[in-house]
Amino acid sequence: MEIPERDGDGYLVDMSKWTPAIGRAMADVDSFELNEKKLEHINKAREYYEEFGTVPPIRKFAKYVGEDQKEIFELWLTGPMKPITKYGGMPKPTGCV
């Protein structure tokens, strides 16, 4: 699969080019594992983005998905909003992620 152009941080230059398959292909190229739970988080973050027009900070995201913030961090092994937005075809998060 051909992945659309990405910036220096690996985010899509044109967010409209994102599809679930492209998100998975981006993660594969980056050697980043996306399991079903992570894909669920990506879809919920996209839902939030479409509803509110912004990437949620982690606290709001955890509340939005009804999960403990600590568990989300443990699943992603990093600041979760960066890979969620990167592989979800959303803008880079700002602030507390």
Protein backbone atom coordinates (compact mmCIF):
# COMPACT_ATOMS: atom_id res chain seq x y z
CA MET A 1 0.00 0.00 0.00
CA GLU A 2 1.27 3.45 -0.86
CA ILE A 3 1.24 5.79 2.12
CA PRO A 4 0.44 9.44 1.40
CA GLU A 5 3.08 12.08 2.11
CA ARG A 6 4.00 12.52 5.77
CA ASP A 7 5.77 15.35 7.55
CA GLY A 8 9.02 15.06 9.52
CA ASP A 9 7.15 13.70 12.55
CA GLY A 10 5.32 11.06 10.52
CA TYR A 11 1.91 12.79 10.42
CA LEU A 12 -0.03 12.91 7.18
CA VAL A 13 0.47 16.18 5.31
CA ASP A 14 -3.10 15.91 3.96
CA MET A 15 -5.39 14.56 6.69
CA SER A 16 -8.14 13.86 4.15
CA LYS A 17 -6.03 11.03 2.72
CA TRP A 18 -6.42 8.96 5.92
CA THR A 19 -8.20 5.62 5.93
CA PRO A 20 -8.02 2.87 8.56
CA ALA A 21 -5.83 0.85 6.18
CA ILE A 22 -3.43 3.78 5.76
CA GLY A 23 -3.24 4.21 9.54
CA ARG A 24 -2.33 0.54 9.93
CA ALA A 25 0.22 0.77 7.09
CA MET A 26 1.82 3.84 8.71
CA ALA A 27 2.14 1.95 12.00
CA ASP A 28 3.63 -1.08 10.21
CA VAL A 29 6.24 1.10 8.48
CA ASP A 30 7.08 2.66 11.85
CA SER A 31 7.22 -0.79 13.54
CA PHE A 32 4.45 0.30 15.90
CA GLU A 33 1.94 -2.33 16.98
CA LEU A 34 -1.74 -1.46 16.64
CA ASN A 35 -4.03 -3.95 18.34
CA GLU A 36 -7.84 -3.87 18.46
CA LYS A 37 -7.93 -1.76 21.64
CA LYS A 38 -5.57 0.82 20.14
CA LEU A 39 -7.65 0.94 16.96
CA GLU A 40 -10.72 1.49 19.13
CA HIS A 41 -8.97 4.45 20.77
CA ILE A 42 -8.06 5.85 17.36
CA ASN A 43 -11.67 5.61 16.19
CA LYS A 44 -12.96 7.26 19.38
CA ALA A 45 -10.41 10.08 19.04
CA ARG A 46 -11.50 10.63 15.43
CA GLU A 47 -15.11 10.70 16.62
CA TYR A 48 -14.17 13.32 19.24
CA TYR A 49 -12.23 15.35 16.65
CA GLU A 50 -15.15 15.34 14.23
CA GLU A 51 -17.57 16.36 16.98
CA PHE A 52 -15.49 19.09 18.63
CA GLY A 53 -12.98 20.08 15.92
CA THR A 54 -9.99 19.55 18.16
CA VAL A 55 -7.73 16.78 19.44
CA PRO A 56 -8.69 16.04 23.04
CA PRO A 57 -6.17 16.29 25.85
CA ILE A 58 -5.64 12.94 27.54
CA ARG A 59 -7.85 13.78 30.54
CA LYS A 60 -10.82 14.62 28.34
CA PHE A 61 -10.13 11.64 26.11
CA ALA A 62 -10.04 9.22 29.05
CA LYS A 63 -13.36 10.60 30.28
CA TYR A 64 -14.80 10.49 26.75
CA VAL A 65 -13.98 6.79 26.35
CA GLY A 66 -14.82 5.96 29.97
CA GLU A 67 -11.41 4.53 30.81
CA ASP A 68 -8.81 5.19 33.46
CA GLN A 69 -6.11 7.54 32.20
CA LYS A 70 -3.37 5.40 33.75
CA GLU A 71 -4.58 2.31 31.87
CA ILE A 72 -4.53 4.21 28.58
CA PHE A 73 -0.90 5.23 29.23
CA GLU A 74 -0.01 1.61 30.07
CA LEU A 75 -1.57 0.37 26.83
CA TRP A 76 0.26 2.88 24.63
CA LEU A 77 3.55 2.82 26.62
CA THR A 78 3.96 6.53 25.82
CA GLY A 79 1.98 9.75 25.74
CA PRO A 80 -1.07 8.17 24.07
CA MET A 81 -2.42 11.14 22.14
CA LYS A 82 0.63 11.42 19.90
CA PRO A 83 0.38 7.94 18.34
CA ILE A 84 -3.43 8.06 18.46
CA THR A 85 -3.47 11.23 16.37
CA LYS A 86 -0.56 10.20 14.17
CA TYR A 87 -2.04 6.86 13.12
CA GLY A 88 -5.55 8.28 13.19
CA GLY A 89 -4.80 10.91 10.56
CA MET A 90 -5.46 13.84 12.89
CA PRO A 91 -3.40 16.96 13.62
CA LYS A 92 -0.51 16.85 16.06
CA PRO A 93 -1.77 17.35 19.61
CA THR A 94 -0.85 20.47 21.52
CA GLY A 95 -0.68 21.06 25.23
CA CYS A 96 -1.16 18.26 27.74
CA VAL A 97 -1.25 15.05 25.74
